[in-house]
Each structure stands twice: as C-alpha cells, then as structure tokens.
Amino acid sequence: MGNQEILSRTQEIFREVLDQPDLELIPSMTAQDVEGWDSLNHVRLIVGIEREFGIRMKGSEVVKAACVGDLLTIISEKYKK
C-alpha cells in the first residue's frame, strides 16, 4: 500500500471522528492545527486507525506521534509486517 492510500484512509478516519467531512490532512499537521483534535479524540483516532489497518500501536509510539506524518510513518511500518 502506498503512502497516498494510507493518507487517504487515515484522512477518512479523521473526518469521521472529528465530524469534519471536508478536512484535508497534510503530514505536518498537529493537534493544534486541527479543530477538535483533543486528547479524547486522539484516543478515538488511534482506535480507528488500529481497526482500519489491523495494527496495534504501543503507548510509546502514540505518545511520540507529534503530527499526522508521524502517525502515517507508524502505520506504514506496522502495516507491512
């Protein structure tokens, strides 16, 4: 799976969880850049990502993910395994 497909699928999760159907993600975005991306929704986003891609993220990985790009990297690395 290519990076664009991972971004597209992740974007759909963000749109659904944050109830923002027009949200366009870019890798450099952080929680401060996206309205509604608070700590509770962060957990919901992680759960949605894990379900969508059939992966499990470690707590340390979730904490280190400072931006969308970090999440995409984690997904890419784990999805290949």
Protein backbone atom coordinates (compact mmCIF):
# COMPACT_ATOMS: atom_id res chain seq x y z
CA MET A 1 0.00 0.00 0.00
CA GLY A 2 1.35 3.38 -0.96
CA ASN A 3 1.68 6.48 1.19
CA GLN A 4 -1.15 8.22 -0.65
CA GLU A 5 -3.57 5.39 0.11
CA ILE A 6 -2.52 5.38 3.78
CA LEU A 7 -3.06 9.15 3.93
CA SER A 8 -6.45 8.86 2.25
CA ARG A 9 -7.69 6.13 4.59
CA THR A 10 -6.33 7.99 7.63
CA GLN A 11 -7.98 11.20 6.45
CA GLU A 12 -11.35 9.43 6.33
CA ILE A 13 -10.87 8.32 9.94
CA PHE A 14 -10.06 11.90 10.99
CA ARG A 15 -13.10 13.21 9.12
CA GLU A 16 -15.41 10.72 10.80
CA VAL A 17 -14.02 11.02 14.34
CA LEU A 18 -13.79 14.81 14.26
CA ASP A 19 -17.03 15.24 12.28
CA GLN A 20 -15.29 17.37 9.66
CA PRO A 21 -16.20 15.95 6.23
CA ASP A 22 -14.04 18.47 4.35
CA LEU A 23 -10.88 18.07 6.46
CA GLU A 24 -7.75 17.82 4.32
CA LEU A 25 -4.78 16.32 6.16
CA ILE A 26 -1.17 17.15 5.45
CA PRO A 27 1.70 15.34 7.16
CA SER A 28 2.92 18.39 9.09
CA MET A 29 -0.44 18.95 10.83
CA THR A 30 -0.53 18.67 14.62
CA ALA A 31 -3.39 18.61 17.10
CA GLN A 32 -3.05 22.39 17.38
CA ASP A 33 -3.80 22.72 13.66
CA VAL A 34 -6.98 20.63 13.64
CA GLU A 35 -10.11 21.79 15.43
CA GLY A 36 -11.44 19.12 17.77
CA TRP A 37 -8.26 17.06 17.90
CA ASP A 38 -8.06 16.90 21.67
CA SER A 39 -6.84 14.12 23.97
CA LEU A 40 -10.13 12.21 23.93
CA ASN A 41 -10.42 12.35 20.16
CA HIS A 42 -6.75 11.38 19.88
CA VAL A 43 -7.64 8.08 21.55
CA ARG A 44 -10.58 7.68 19.18
CA LEU A 45 -8.34 8.39 16.20
CA ILE A 46 -5.80 5.78 17.32
CA VAL A 47 -8.52 3.18 17.85
CA GLY A 48 -9.95 3.96 14.41
CA ILE A 49 -6.52 3.69 12.79
CA GLU A 50 -5.80 0.39 14.52
CA ARG A 51 -9.12 -1.04 13.34
CA GLU A 52 -8.82 0.27 9.79
CA PHE A 53 -5.32 -1.07 9.24
CA GLY A 54 -5.43 -4.11 11.53
CA ILE A 55 -2.44 -2.94 13.55
CA ARG A 56 -1.66 -2.28 17.22
CA MET A 57 0.28 0.77 18.35
CA LYS A 58 2.36 0.80 21.50
CA GLY A 59 1.71 3.54 24.04
CA SER A 60 5.21 4.88 23.48
CA GLU A 61 4.52 5.21 19.75
CA VAL A 62 1.25 7.03 20.34
CA VAL A 63 2.93 9.50 22.69
CA LYS A 64 5.77 10.16 20.24
CA ALA A 65 3.40 10.81 17.33
CA ALA A 66 3.51 14.61 17.29
CA CYS A 67 1.94 15.11 13.87
CA VAL A 68 -0.03 13.39 11.14
CA GLY A 69 3.20 12.44 9.38
CA ASP A 70 4.38 10.55 12.46
CA LEU A 71 1.12 8.59 12.50
CA LEU A 72 1.48 7.82 8.80
CA THR A 73 5.02 6.53 9.37
CA ILE A 74 3.88 4.25 12.19
CA ILE A 75 1.01 2.93 10.07
CA SER A 76 3.31 2.32 7.11
CA GLU A 77 5.86 0.44 9.19
CA LYS A 78 3.33 -1.72 11.01
CA TYR A 79 1.03 -2.40 8.07
CA LYS A 80 3.87 -4.01 6.10
CA LYS A 81 4.51 -6.57 8.84
